[in-house]
PDBML (XML) file of the C-alpha atoms, coordinates in Angstrom:
<?xml version="1.0" encoding="UTF-8" ?>
<PDBx:datablock datablockName="MODEL"
   xmlns:PDBx="http://pdbml.pdb.org/schema/pdbx-v50.xsd"
   xmlns:xsi="http://www.w3.org/2001/XMLSchema-instance"
   xsi:schemaLocation="http://pdbml.pdb.org/schema/pdbx-v50.xsd pdbx-v50.xsd">
   <PDBx:atom_siteCategory>
      <PDBx:atom_site id="1">
         <PDBx:B_iso_or_equiv>0.00</PDBx:B_iso_or_equiv>
         <PDBx:Cartn_x>61.239</PDBx:Cartn_x>
         <PDBx:Cartn_y>1.420</PDBx:Cartn_y>
         <PDBx:Cartn_z>-33.460</PDBx:Cartn_z>
         <PDBx:auth_asym_id>A</PDBx:auth_asym_id>
         <PDBx:auth_atom_id>CA</PDBx:auth_atom_id>
         <PDBx:auth_comp_id>LEU</PDBx:auth_comp_id>
         <PDBx:auth_seq_id>1</PDBx:auth_seq_id>
         <PDBx:group_PDB>ATOM</PDBx:group_PDB>
         <PDBx:label_alt_id xsi:nil="true" />
         <PDBx:label_asym_id>A</PDBx:label_asym_id>
         <PDBx:label_atom_id>CA</PDBx:label_atom_id>
         <PDBx:label_comp_id>LEU</PDBx:label_comp_id>
         <PDBx:label_entity_id>1</PDBx:label_entity_id>
         <PDBx:label_seq_id>1</PDBx:label_seq_id>
         <PDBx:occupancy>1.00</PDBx:occupancy>
         <PDBx:pdbx_PDB_model_num>1</PDBx:pdbx_PDB_model_num>
         <PDBx:type_symbol>C</PDBx:type_symbol>
      </PDBx:atom_site>
      <PDBx:atom_site id="2">
         <PDBx:B_iso_or_equiv>0.00</PDBx:B_iso_or_equiv>
         <PDBx:Cartn_x>64.102</PDBx:Cartn_x>
         <PDBx:Cartn_y>1.142</PDBx:Cartn_y>
         <PDBx:Cartn_z>-30.988</PDBx:Cartn_z>
         <PDBx:auth_asym_id>A</PDBx:auth_asym_id>
         <PDBx:auth_atom_id>CA</PDBx:auth_atom_id>
         <PDBx:auth_comp_id>LEU</PDBx:auth_comp_id>
         <PDBx:auth_seq_id>2</PDBx:auth_seq_id>
         <PDBx:group_PDB>ATOM</PDBx:group_PDB>
         <PDBx:label_alt_id xsi:nil="true" />
         <PDBx:label_asym_id>A</PDBx:label_asym_id>
         <PDBx:label_atom_id>CA</PDBx:label_atom_id>
         <PDBx:label_comp_id>LEU</PDBx:label_comp_id>
         <PDBx:label_entity_id>1</PDBx:label_entity_id>
         <PDBx:label_seq_id>2</PDBx:label_seq_id>
         <PDBx:occupancy>1.00</PDBx:occupancy>
         <PDBx:pdbx_PDB_model_num>1</PDBx:pdbx_PDB_model_num>
         <PDBx:type_symbol>C</PDBx:type_symbol>
      </PDBx:atom_site>
      <PDBx:atom_site id="3">
         <PDBx:B_iso_or_equiv>0.00</PDBx:B_iso_or_equiv>
         <PDBx:Cartn_x>62.389</PDBx:Cartn_x>
         <PDBx:Cartn_y>1.054</PDBx:Cartn_y>
         <PDBx:Cartn_z>-27.601</PDBx:Cartn_z>
         <PDBx:auth_asym_id>A</PDBx:auth_asym_id>
         <PDBx:auth_atom_id>CA</PDBx:auth_atom_id>
         <PDBx:auth_comp_id>ASN</PDBx:auth_comp_id>
         <PDBx:auth_seq_id>3</PDBx:auth_seq_id>
         <PDBx:group_PDB>ATOM</PDBx:group_PDB>
         <PDBx:label_alt_id xsi:nil="true" />
         <PDBx:label_asym_id>A</PDBx:label_asym_id>
         <PDBx:label_atom_id>CA</PDBx:label_atom_id>
         <PDBx:label_comp_id>ASN</PDBx:label_comp_id>
         <PDBx:label_entity_id>1</PDBx:label_entity_id>
         <PDBx:label_seq_id>3</PDBx:label_seq_id>
         <PDBx:occupancy>1.00</PDBx:occupancy>
         <PDBx:pdbx_PDB_model_num>1</PDBx:pdbx_PDB_model_num>
         <PDBx:type_symbol>C</PDBx:type_symbol>
      </PDBx:atom_site>
      <PDBx:atom_site id="4">
         <PDBx:B_iso_or_equiv>0.00</PDBx:B_iso_or_equiv>
         <PDBx:Cartn_x>59.498</PDBx:Cartn_x>
         <PDBx:Cartn_y>-1.371</PDBx:Cartn_y>
         <PDBx:Cartn_z>-27.953</PDBx:Cartn_z>
         <PDBx:auth_asym_id>A</PDBx:auth_asym_id>
         <PDBx:auth_atom_id>CA</PDBx:auth_atom_id>
         <PDBx:auth_comp_id>ASN</PDBx:auth_comp_id>
         <PDBx:auth_seq_id>4</PDBx:auth_seq_id>
         <PDBx:group_PDB>ATOM</PDBx:group_PDB>
         <PDBx:label_alt_id xsi:nil="true" />
         <PDBx:label_asym_id>A</PDBx:label_asym_id>
         <PDBx:label_atom_id>CA</PDBx:label_atom_id>
         <PDBx:label_comp_id>ASN</PDBx:label_comp_id>
         <PDBx:label_entity_id>1</PDBx:label_entity_id>
         <PDBx:label_seq_id>4</PDBx:label_seq_id>
         <PDBx:occupancy>1.00</PDBx:occupancy>
         <PDBx:pdbx_PDB_model_num>1</PDBx:pdbx_PDB_model_num>
         <PDBx:type_symbol>C</PDBx:type_symbol>
      </PDBx:atom_site>
      <PDBx:atom_site id="5">
         <PDBx:B_iso_or_equiv>0.00</PDBx:B_iso_or_equiv>
         <PDBx:Cartn_x>61.013</PDBx:Cartn_x>
         <PDBx:Cartn_y>-4.820</PDBx:Cartn_y>
         <PDBx:Cartn_z>-27.696</PDBx:Cartn_z>
         <PDBx:auth_asym_id>A</PDBx:auth_asym_id>
         <PDBx:auth_atom_id>CA</PDBx:auth_atom_id>
         <PDBx:auth_comp_id>GLY</PDBx:auth_comp_id>
         <PDBx:auth_seq_id>5</PDBx:auth_seq_id>
         <PDBx:group_PDB>ATOM</PDBx:group_PDB>
         <PDBx:label_alt_id xsi:nil="true" />
         <PDBx:label_asym_id>A</PDBx:label_asym_id>
         <PDBx:label_atom_id>CA</PDBx:label_atom_id>
         <PDBx:label_comp_id>GLY</PDBx:label_comp_id>
         <PDBx:label_entity_id>1</PDBx:label_entity_id>
         <PDBx:label_seq_id>5</PDBx:label_seq_id>
         <PDBx:occupancy>1.00</PDBx:occupancy>
         <PDBx:pdbx_PDB_model_num>1</PDBx:pdbx_PDB_model_num>
         <PDBx:type_symbol>C</PDBx:type_symbol>
      </PDBx:atom_site>
      <PDBx:atom_site id="6">
         <PDBx:B_iso_or_equiv>0.00</PDBx:B_iso_or_equiv>
         <PDBx:Cartn_x>63.080</PDBx:Cartn_x>
         <PDBx:Cartn_y>-7.213</PDBx:Cartn_y>
         <PDBx:Cartn_z>-29.745</PDBx:Cartn_z>
         <PDBx:auth_asym_id>A</PDBx:auth_asym_id>
         <PDBx:auth_atom_id>CA</PDBx:auth_atom_id>
         <PDBx:auth_comp_id>ILE</PDBx:auth_comp_id>
         <PDBx:auth_seq_id>6</PDBx:auth_seq_id>
         <PDBx:group_PDB>ATOM</PDBx:group_PDB>
         <PDBx:label_alt_id xsi:nil="true" />
         <PDBx:label_asym_id>A</PDBx:label_asym_id>
         <PDBx:label_atom_id>CA</PDBx:label_atom_id>
         <PDBx:label_comp_id>ILE</PDBx:label_comp_id>
         <PDBx:label_entity_id>1</PDBx:label_entity_id>
         <PDBx:label_seq_id>6</PDBx:label_seq_id>
         <PDBx:occupancy>1.00</PDBx:occupancy>
         <PDBx:pdbx_PDB_model_num>1</PDBx:pdbx_PDB_model_num>
         <PDBx:type_symbol>C</PDBx:type_symbol>
      </PDBx:atom_site>
      <PDBx:atom_site id="7">
         <PDBx:B_iso_or_equiv>0.00</PDBx:B_iso_or_equiv>
         <PDBx:Cartn_x>60.447</PDBx:Cartn_x>
         <PDBx:Cartn_y>-7.875</PDBx:Cartn_y>
         <PDBx:Cartn_z>-32.416</PDBx:Cartn_z>
         <PDBx:auth_asym_id>A</PDBx:auth_asym_id>
         <PDBx:auth_atom_id>CA</PDBx:auth_atom_id>
         <PDBx:auth_comp_id>PHE</PDBx:auth_comp_id>
         <PDBx:auth_seq_id>7</PDBx:auth_seq_id>
         <PDBx:group_PDB>ATOM</PDBx:group_PDB>
         <PDBx:label_alt_id xsi:nil="true" />
         <PDBx:label_asym_id>A</PDBx:label_asym_id>
         <PDBx:label_atom_id>CA</PDBx:label_atom_id>
         <PDBx:label_comp_id>PHE</PDBx:label_comp_id>
         <PDBx:label_entity_id>1</PDBx:label_entity_id>
         <PDBx:label_seq_id>7</PDBx:label_seq_id>
         <PDBx:occupancy>1.00</PDBx:occupancy>
         <PDBx:pdbx_PDB_model_num>1</PDBx:pdbx_PDB_model_num>
         <PDBx:type_symbol>C</PDBx:type_symbol>
      </PDBx:atom_site>
      <PDBx:atom_site id="8">
         <PDBx:B_iso_or_equiv>0.00</PDBx:B_iso_or_equiv>
         <PDBx:Cartn_x>60.001</PDBx:Cartn_x>
         <PDBx:Cartn_y>-4.175</PDBx:Cartn_y>
         <PDBx:Cartn_z>-33.122</PDBx:Cartn_z>
         <PDBx:auth_asym_id>A</PDBx:auth_asym_id>
         <PDBx:auth_atom_id>CA</PDBx:auth_atom_id>
         <PDBx:auth_comp_id>THR</PDBx:auth_comp_id>
         <PDBx:auth_seq_id>8</PDBx:auth_seq_id>
         <PDBx:group_PDB>ATOM</PDBx:group_PDB>
         <PDBx:label_alt_id xsi:nil="true" />
         <PDBx:label_asym_id>A</PDBx:label_asym_id>
         <PDBx:label_atom_id>CA</PDBx:label_atom_id>
         <PDBx:label_comp_id>THR</PDBx:label_comp_id>
         <PDBx:label_entity_id>1</PDBx:label_entity_id>
         <PDBx:label_seq_id>8</PDBx:label_seq_id>
         <PDBx:occupancy>1.00</PDBx:occupancy>
         <PDBx:pdbx_PDB_model_num>1</PDBx:pdbx_PDB_model_num>
         <PDBx:type_symbol>C</PDBx:type_symbol>
      </PDBx:atom_site>
      <PDBx:atom_site id="9">
         <PDBx:B_iso_or_equiv>0.00</PDBx:B_iso_or_equiv>
         <PDBx:Cartn_x>63.789</PDBx:Cartn_x>
         <PDBx:Cartn_y>-3.827</PDBx:Cartn_y>
         <PDBx:Cartn_z>-33.428</PDBx:Cartn_z>
         <PDBx:auth_asym_id>A</PDBx:auth_asym_id>
         <PDBx:auth_atom_id>CA</PDBx:auth_atom_id>
         <PDBx:auth_comp_id>LYS</PDBx:auth_comp_id>
         <PDBx:auth_seq_id>9</PDBx:auth_seq_id>
         <PDBx:group_PDB>ATOM</PDBx:group_PDB>
         <PDBx:label_alt_id xsi:nil="true" />
         <PDBx:label_asym_id>A</PDBx:label_asym_id>
         <PDBx:label_atom_id>CA</PDBx:label_atom_id>
         <PDBx:label_comp_id>LYS</PDBx:label_comp_id>
         <PDBx:label_entity_id>1</PDBx:label_entity_id>
         <PDBx:label_seq_id>9</PDBx:label_seq_id>
         <PDBx:occupancy>1.00</PDBx:occupancy>
         <PDBx:pdbx_PDB_model_num>1</PDBx:pdbx_PDB_model_num>
         <PDBx:type_symbol>C</PDBx:type_symbol>
      </PDBx:atom_site>
      <PDBx:atom_site id="10">
         <PDBx:B_iso_or_equiv>0.00</PDBx:B_iso_or_equiv>
         <PDBx:Cartn_x>63.833</PDBx:Cartn_x>
         <PDBx:Cartn_y>-6.715</PDBx:Cartn_y>
         <PDBx:Cartn_z>-35.906</PDBx:Cartn_z>
         <PDBx:auth_asym_id>A</PDBx:auth_asym_id>
         <PDBx:auth_atom_id>CA</PDBx:auth_atom_id>
         <PDBx:auth_comp_id>MET</PDBx:auth_comp_id>
         <PDBx:auth_seq_id>10</PDBx:auth_seq_id>
         <PDBx:group_PDB>ATOM</PDBx:group_PDB>
         <PDBx:label_alt_id xsi:nil="true" />
         <PDBx:label_asym_id>A</PDBx:label_asym_id>
         <PDBx:label_atom_id>CA</PDBx:label_atom_id>
         <PDBx:label_comp_id>MET</PDBx:label_comp_id>
         <PDBx:label_entity_id>1</PDBx:label_entity_id>
         <PDBx:label_seq_id>10</PDBx:label_seq_id>
         <PDBx:occupancy>1.00</PDBx:occupancy>
         <PDBx:pdbx_PDB_model_num>1</PDBx:pdbx_PDB_model_num>
         <PDBx:type_symbol>C</PDBx:type_symbol>
      </PDBx:atom_site>
      <PDBx:atom_site id="11">
         <PDBx:B_iso_or_equiv>0.00</PDBx:B_iso_or_equiv>
         <PDBx:Cartn_x>61.139</PDBx:Cartn_x>
         <PDBx:Cartn_y>-4.992</PDBx:Cartn_y>
         <PDBx:Cartn_z>-37.918</PDBx:Cartn_z>
         <PDBx:auth_asym_id>A</PDBx:auth_asym_id>
         <PDBx:auth_atom_id>CA</PDBx:auth_atom_id>
         <PDBx:auth_comp_id>GLY</PDBx:auth_comp_id>
         <PDBx:auth_seq_id>11</PDBx:auth_seq_id>
         <PDBx:group_PDB>ATOM</PDBx:group_PDB>
         <PDBx:label_alt_id xsi:nil="true" />
         <PDBx:label_asym_id>A</PDBx:label_asym_id>
         <PDBx:label_atom_id>CA</PDBx:label_atom_id>
         <PDBx:label_comp_id>GLY</PDBx:label_comp_id>
         <PDBx:label_entity_id>1</PDBx:label_entity_id>
         <PDBx:label_seq_id>11</PDBx:label_seq_id>
         <PDBx:occupancy>1.00</PDBx:occupancy>
         <PDBx:pdbx_PDB_model_num>1</PDBx:pdbx_PDB_model_num>
         <PDBx:type_symbol>C</PDBx:type_symbol>
      </PDBx:atom_site>
      <PDBx:atom_site id="12">
         <PDBx:B_iso_or_equiv>0.00</PDBx:B_iso_or_equiv>
         <PDBx:Cartn_x>63.133</PDBx:Cartn_x>
         <PDBx:Cartn_y>-1.781</PDBx:Cartn_y>
         <PDBx:Cartn_z>-37.803</PDBx:Cartn_z>
         <PDBx:auth_asym_id>A</PDBx:auth_asym_id>
         <PDBx:auth_atom_id>CA</PDBx:auth_atom_id>
         <PDBx:auth_comp_id>ALA</PDBx:auth_comp_id>
         <PDBx:auth_seq_id>12</PDBx:auth_seq_id>
         <PDBx:group_PDB>ATOM</PDBx:group_PDB>
         <PDBx:label_alt_id xsi:nil="true" />
         <PDBx:label_asym_id>A</PDBx:label_asym_id>
         <PDBx:label_atom_id>CA</PDBx:label_atom_id>
         <PDBx:label_comp_id>ALA</PDBx:label_comp_id>
         <PDBx:label_entity_id>1</PDBx:label_entity_id>
         <PDBx:label_seq_id>12</PDBx:label_seq_id>
         <PDBx:occupancy>1.00</PDBx:occupancy>
         <PDBx:pdbx_PDB_model_num>1</PDBx:pdbx_PDB_model_num>
         <PDBx:type_symbol>C</PDBx:type_symbol>
      </PDBx:atom_site>
      <PDBx:atom_site id="13">
         <PDBx:B_iso_or_equiv>0.00</PDBx:B_iso_or_equiv>
         <PDBx:Cartn_x>66.137</PDBx:Cartn_x>
         <PDBx:Cartn_y>-3.590</PDBx:Cartn_y>
         <PDBx:Cartn_z>-39.292</PDBx:Cartn_z>
         <PDBx:auth_asym_id>A</PDBx:auth_asym_id>
         <PDBx:auth_atom_id>CA</PDBx:auth_atom_id>
         <PDBx:auth_comp_id>ALA</PDBx:auth_comp_id>
         <PDBx:auth_seq_id>13</PDBx:auth_seq_id>
         <PDBx:group_PDB>ATOM</PDBx:group_PDB>
         <PDBx:label_alt_id xsi:nil="true" />
         <PDBx:label_asym_id>A</PDBx:label_asym_id>
         <PDBx:label_atom_id>CA</PDBx:label_atom_id>
         <PDBx:label_comp_id>ALA</PDBx:label_comp_id>
         <PDBx:label_entity_id>1</PDBx:label_entity_id>
         <PDBx:label_seq_id>13</PDBx:label_seq_id>
         <PDBx:occupancy>1.00</PDBx:occupancy>
         <PDBx:pdbx_PDB_model_num>1</PDBx:pdbx_PDB_model_num>
         <PDBx:type_symbol>C</PDBx:type_symbol>
      </PDBx:atom_site>
      <PDBx:atom_site id="14">
         <PDBx:B_iso_or_equiv>0.00</PDBx:B_iso_or_equiv>
         <PDBx:Cartn_x>63.969</PDBx:Cartn_x>
         <PDBx:Cartn_y>-4.817</PDBx:Cartn_y>
         <PDBx:Cartn_z>-42.177</PDBx:Cartn_z>
         <PDBx:auth_asym_id>A</PDBx:auth_asym_id>
         <PDBx:auth_atom_id>CA</PDBx:auth_atom_id>
         <PDBx:auth_comp_id>ILE</PDBx:auth_comp_id>
         <PDBx:auth_seq_id>14</PDBx:auth_seq_id>
         <PDBx:group_PDB>ATOM</PDBx:group_PDB>
         <PDBx:label_alt_id xsi:nil="true" />
         <PDBx:label_asym_id>A</PDBx:label_asym_id>
         <PDBx:label_atom_id>CA</PDBx:label_atom_id>
         <PDBx:label_comp_id>ILE</PDBx:label_comp_id>
         <PDBx:label_entity_id>1</PDBx:label_entity_id>
         <PDBx:label_seq_id>14</PDBx:label_seq_id>
         <PDBx:occupancy>1.00</PDBx:occupancy>
         <PDBx:pdbx_PDB_model_num>1</PDBx:pdbx_PDB_model_num>
         <PDBx:type_symbol>C</PDBx:type_symbol>
      </PDBx:atom_site>
      <PDBx:atom_site id="15">
         <PDBx:B_iso_or_equiv>0.00</PDBx:B_iso_or_equiv>
         <PDBx:Cartn_x>62.591</PDBx:Cartn_x>
         <PDBx:Cartn_y>-1.371</PDBx:Cartn_y>
         <PDBx:Cartn_z>-43.031</PDBx:Cartn_z>
         <PDBx:auth_asym_id>A</PDBx:auth_asym_id>
         <PDBx:auth_atom_id>CA</PDBx:auth_atom_id>
         <PDBx:auth_comp_id>VAL</PDBx:auth_comp_id>
         <PDBx:auth_seq_id>15</PDBx:auth_seq_id>
         <PDBx:group_PDB>ATOM</PDBx:group_PDB>
         <PDBx:label_alt_id xsi:nil="true" />
         <PDBx:label_asym_id>A</PDBx:label_asym_id>
         <PDBx:label_atom_id>CA</PDBx:label_atom_id>
         <PDBx:label_comp_id>VAL</PDBx:label_comp_id>
         <PDBx:label_entity_id>1</PDBx:label_entity_id>
         <PDBx:label_seq_id>15</PDBx:label_seq_id>
         <PDBx:occupancy>1.00</PDBx:occupancy>
         <PDBx:pdbx_PDB_model_num>1</PDBx:pdbx_PDB_model_num>
         <PDBx:type_symbol>C</PDBx:type_symbol>
      </PDBx:atom_site>
      <PDBx:atom_site id="16">
         <PDBx:B_iso_or_equiv>0.00</PDBx:B_iso_or_equiv>
         <PDBx:Cartn_x>65.897</PDBx:Cartn_x>
         <PDBx:Cartn_y>0.406</PDBx:Cartn_y>
         <PDBx:Cartn_z>-42.376</PDBx:Cartn_z>
         <PDBx:auth_asym_id>A</PDBx:auth_asym_id>
         <PDBx:auth_atom_id>CA</PDBx:auth_atom_id>
         <PDBx:auth_comp_id>SER</PDBx:auth_comp_id>
         <PDBx:auth_seq_id>16</PDBx:auth_seq_id>
         <PDBx:group_PDB>ATOM</PDBx:group_PDB>
         <PDBx:label_alt_id xsi:nil="true" />
         <PDBx:label_asym_id>A</PDBx:label_asym_id>
         <PDBx:label_atom_id>CA</PDBx:label_atom_id>
         <PDBx:label_comp_id>SER</PDBx:label_comp_id>
         <PDBx:label_entity_id>1</PDBx:label_entity_id>
         <PDBx:label_seq_id>16</PDBx:label_seq_id>
         <PDBx:occupancy>1.00</PDBx:occupancy>
         <PDBx:pdbx_PDB_model_num>1</PDBx:pdbx_PDB_model_num>
         <PDBx:type_symbol>C</PDBx:type_symbol>
      </PDBx:atom_site>
      <PDBx:atom_site id="17">
         <PDBx:B_iso_or_equiv>0.00</PDBx:B_iso_or_equiv>
         <PDBx:Cartn_x>66.687</PDBx:Cartn_x>
         <PDBx:Cartn_y>1.089</PDBx:Cartn_y>
         <PDBx:Cartn_z>-46.082</PDBx:Cartn_z>
         <PDBx:auth_asym_id>A</PDBx:auth_asym_id>
         <PDBx:auth_atom_id>CA</PDBx:auth_atom_id>
         <PDBx:auth_comp_id>PRO</PDBx:auth_comp_id>
         <PDBx:auth_seq_id>17</PDBx:auth_seq_id>
         <PDBx:group_PDB>ATOM</PDBx:group_PDB>
         <PDBx:label_alt_id xsi:nil="true" />
         <PDBx:label_asym_id>A</PDBx:label_asym_id>
         <PDBx:label_atom_id>CA</PDBx:label_atom_id>
         <PDBx:label_comp_id>PRO</PDBx:label_comp_id>
         <PDBx:label_entity_id>1</PDBx:label_entity_id>
         <PDBx:label_seq_id>17</PDBx:label_seq_id>
         <PDBx:occupancy>1.00</PDBx:occupancy>
         <PDBx:pdbx_PDB_model_num>1</PDBx:pdbx_PDB_model_num>
         <PDBx:type_symbol>C</PDBx:type_symbol>
      </PDBx:atom_site>
      <PDBx:atom_site id="18">
         <PDBx:B_iso_or_equiv>0.00</PDBx:B_iso_or_equiv>
         <PDBx:Cartn_x>63.320</PDBx:Cartn_x>
         <PDBx:Cartn_y>2.820</PDBx:Cartn_y>
         <PDBx:Cartn_z>-46.521</PDBx:Cartn_z>
         <PDBx:auth_asym_id>A</PDBx:auth_asym_id>
         <PDBx:auth_atom_id>CA</PDBx:auth_atom_id>
         <PDBx:auth_comp_id>SER</PDBx:auth_comp_id>
         <PDBx:auth_seq_id>18</PDBx:auth_seq_id>
         <PDBx:group_PDB>ATOM</PDBx:group_PDB>
         <PDBx:label_alt_id xsi:nil="true" />
         <PDBx:label_asym_id>A</PDBx:label_asym_id>
         <PDBx:label_atom_id>CA</PDBx:label_atom_id>
         <PDBx:label_comp_id>SER</PDBx:label_comp_id>
         <PDBx:label_entity_id>1</PDBx:label_entity_id>
         <PDBx:label_seq_id>18</PDBx:label_seq_id>
         <PDBx:occupancy>1.00</PDBx:occupancy>
         <PDBx:pdbx_PDB_model_num>1</PDBx:pdbx_PDB_model_num>
         <PDBx:type_symbol>C</PDBx:type_symbol>
      </PDBx:atom_site>
      <PDBx:atom_site id="19">
         <PDBx:B_iso_or_equiv>0.00</PDBx:B_iso_or_equiv>
         <PDBx:Cartn_x>63.836</PDBx:Cartn_x>
         <PDBx:Cartn_y>4.857</PDBx:Cartn_y>
         <PDBx:Cartn_z>-43.364</PDBx:Cartn_z>
         <PDBx:auth_asym_id>A</PDBx:auth_asym_id>
         <PDBx:auth_atom_id>CA</PDBx:auth_atom_id>
         <PDBx:auth_comp_id>LEU</PDBx:auth_comp_id>
         <PDBx:auth_seq_id>19</PDBx:auth_seq_id>
         <PDBx:group_PDB>ATOM</PDBx:group_PDB>
         <PDBx:label_alt_id xsi:nil="true" />
         <PDBx:label_asym_id>A</PDBx:label_asym_id>
         <PDBx:label_atom_id>CA</PDBx:label_atom_id>
         <PDBx:label_comp_id>LEU</PDBx:label_comp_id>
         <PDBx:label_entity_id>1</PDBx:label_entity_id>
         <PDBx:label_seq_id>19</PDBx:label_seq_id>
         <PDBx:occupancy>1.00</PDBx:occupancy>
         <PDBx:pdbx_PDB_model_num>1</PDBx:pdbx_PDB_model_num>
         <PDBx:type_symbol>C</PDBx:type_symbol>
      </PDBx:atom_site>
      <PDBx:atom_site id="20">
         <PDBx:B_iso_or_equiv>0.00</PDBx:B_iso_or_equiv>
         <PDBx:Cartn_x>67.209</PDBx:Cartn_x>
         <PDBx:Cartn_y>6.031</PDBx:Cartn_y>
         <PDBx:Cartn_z>-44.651</PDBx:Cartn_z>
         <PDBx:auth_asym_id>A</PDBx:auth_asym_id>
         <PDBx:auth_atom_id>CA</PDBx:auth_atom_id>
         <PDBx:auth_comp_id>LYS</PDBx:auth_comp_id>
         <PDBx:auth_seq_id>20</PDBx:auth_seq_id>
         <PDBx:group_PDB>ATOM</PDBx:group_PDB>
         <PDBx:label_alt_id xsi:nil="true" />
         <PDBx:label_asym_id>A</PDBx:label_asym_id>
         <PDBx:label_atom_id>CA</PDBx:label_atom_id>
         <PDBx:label_comp_id>LYS</PDBx:label_comp_id>
         <PDBx:label_entity_id>1</PDBx:label_entity_id>
         <PDBx:label_seq_id>20</PDBx:label_seq_id>
         <PDBx:occupancy>1.00</PDBx:occupancy>
         <PDBx:pdbx_PDB_model_num>1</PDBx:pdbx_PDB_model_num>
         <PDBx:type_symbol>C</PDBx:type_symbol>
      </PDBx:atom_site>
      <PDBx:atom_site id="21">
         <PDBx:B_iso_or_equiv>0.00</PDBx:B_iso_or_equiv>
         <PDBx:Cartn_x>65.407</PDBx:Cartn_x>
         <PDBx:Cartn_y>7.419</PDBx:Cartn_y>
         <PDBx:Cartn_z>-47.690</PDBx:Cartn_z>
         <PDBx:auth_asym_id>A</PDBx:auth_asym_id>
         <PDBx:auth_atom_id>CA</PDBx:auth_atom_id>
         <PDBx:auth_comp_id>GLY</PDBx:auth_comp_id>
         <PDBx:auth_seq_id>21</PDBx:auth_seq_id>
         <PDBx:group_PDB>ATOM</PDBx:group_PDB>
         <PDBx:label_alt_id xsi:nil="true" />
         <PDBx:label_asym_id>A</PDBx:label_asym_id>
         <PDBx:label_atom_id>CA</PDBx:label_atom_id>
         <PDBx:label_comp_id>GLY</PDBx:label_comp_id>
         <PDBx:label_entity_id>1</PDBx:label_entity_id>
         <PDBx:label_seq_id>21</PDBx:label_seq_id>
         <PDBx:occupancy>1.00</PDBx:occupancy>
         <PDBx:pdbx_PDB_model_num>1</PDBx:pdbx_PDB_model_num>
         <PDBx:type_symbol>C</PDBx:type_symbol>
      </PDBx:atom_site>
      <PDBx:atom_site id="22">
         <PDBx:B_iso_or_equiv>0.00</PDBx:B_iso_or_equiv>
         <PDBx:Cartn_x>63.034</PDBx:Cartn_x>
         <PDBx:Cartn_y>9.300</PDBx:Cartn_y>
         <PDBx:Cartn_z>-45.407</PDBx:Cartn_z>
         <PDBx:auth_asym_id>A</PDBx:auth_asym_id>
         <PDBx:auth_atom_id>CA</PDBx:auth_atom_id>
         <PDBx:auth_comp_id>LEU</PDBx:auth_comp_id>
         <PDBx:auth_seq_id>22</PDBx:auth_seq_id>
         <PDBx:group_PDB>ATOM</PDBx:group_PDB>
         <PDBx:label_alt_id xsi:nil="true" />
         <PDBx:label_asym_id>A</PDBx:label_asym_id>
         <PDBx:label_atom_id>CA</PDBx:label_atom_id>
         <PDBx:label_comp_id>LEU</PDBx:label_comp_id>
         <PDBx:label_entity_id>1</PDBx:label_entity_id>
         <PDBx:label_seq_id>22</PDBx:label_seq_id>
         <PDBx:occupancy>1.00</PDBx:occupancy>
         <PDBx:pdbx_PDB_model_num>1</PDBx:pdbx_PDB_model_num>
         <PDBx:type_symbol>C</PDBx:type_symbol>
      </PDBx:atom_site>
      <PDBx:atom_site id="23">
         <PDBx:B_iso_or_equiv>0.00</PDBx:B_iso_or_equiv>
         <PDBx:Cartn_x>65.937</PDBx:Cartn_x>
         <PDBx:Cartn_y>10.695</PDBx:Cartn_y>
         <PDBx:Cartn_z>-43.396</PDBx:Cartn_z>
         <PDBx:auth_asym_id>A</PDBx:auth_asym_id>
         <PDBx:auth_atom_id>CA</PDBx:auth_atom_id>
         <PDBx:auth_comp_id>LYS</PDBx:auth_comp_id>
         <PDBx:auth_seq_id>23</PDBx:auth_seq_id>
         <PDBx:group_PDB>ATOM</PDBx:group_PDB>
         <PDBx:label_alt_id xsi:nil="true" />
         <PDBx:label_asym_id>A</PDBx:label_asym_id>
         <PDBx:label_atom_id>CA</PDBx:label_atom_id>
         <PDBx:label_comp_id>LYS</PDBx:label_comp_id>
         <PDBx:label_entity_id>1</PDBx:label_entity_id>
         <PDBx:label_seq_id>23</PDBx:label_seq_id>
         <PDBx:occupancy>1.00</PDBx:occupancy>
         <PDBx:pdbx_PDB_model_num>1</PDBx:pdbx_PDB_model_num>
         <PDBx:type_symbol>C</PDBx:type_symbol>
      </PDBx:atom_site>
      <PDBx:atom_site id="24">
         <PDBx:B_iso_or_equiv>0.00</PDBx:B_iso_or_equiv>
         <PDBx:Cartn_x>67.680</PDBx:Cartn_x>
         <PDBx:Cartn_y>11.757</PDBx:Cartn_y>
         <PDBx:Cartn_z>-46.608</PDBx:Cartn_z>
         <PDBx:auth_asym_id>A</PDBx:auth_asym_id>
         <PDBx:auth_atom_id>CA</PDBx:auth_atom_id>
         <PDBx:auth_comp_id>LYS</PDBx:auth_comp_id>
         <PDBx:auth_seq_id>24</PDBx:auth_seq_id>
         <PDBx:group_PDB>ATOM</PDBx:group_PDB>
         <PDBx:label_alt_id xsi:nil="true" />
         <PDBx:label_asym_id>A</PDBx:label_asym_id>
         <PDBx:label_atom_id>CA</PDBx:label_atom_id>
         <PDBx:label_comp_id>LYS</PDBx:label_comp_id>
         <PDBx:label_entity_id>1</PDBx:label_entity_id>
         <PDBx:label_seq_id>24</PDBx:label_seq_id>
         <PDBx:occupancy>1.00</PDBx:occupancy>
         <PDBx:pdbx_PDB_model_num>1</PDBx:pdbx_PDB_model_num>
         <PDBx:type_symbol>C</PDBx:type_symbol>
      </PDBx:atom_site>
   </PDBx:atom_siteCategory>
</PDBx:datablock>
């Protein structure tokens, strides 16, 4: 999510809340 270009990073920002749930 963080090392594959600007568009991937933008996508990562969108799904960030869901990823926080996974991390939790």
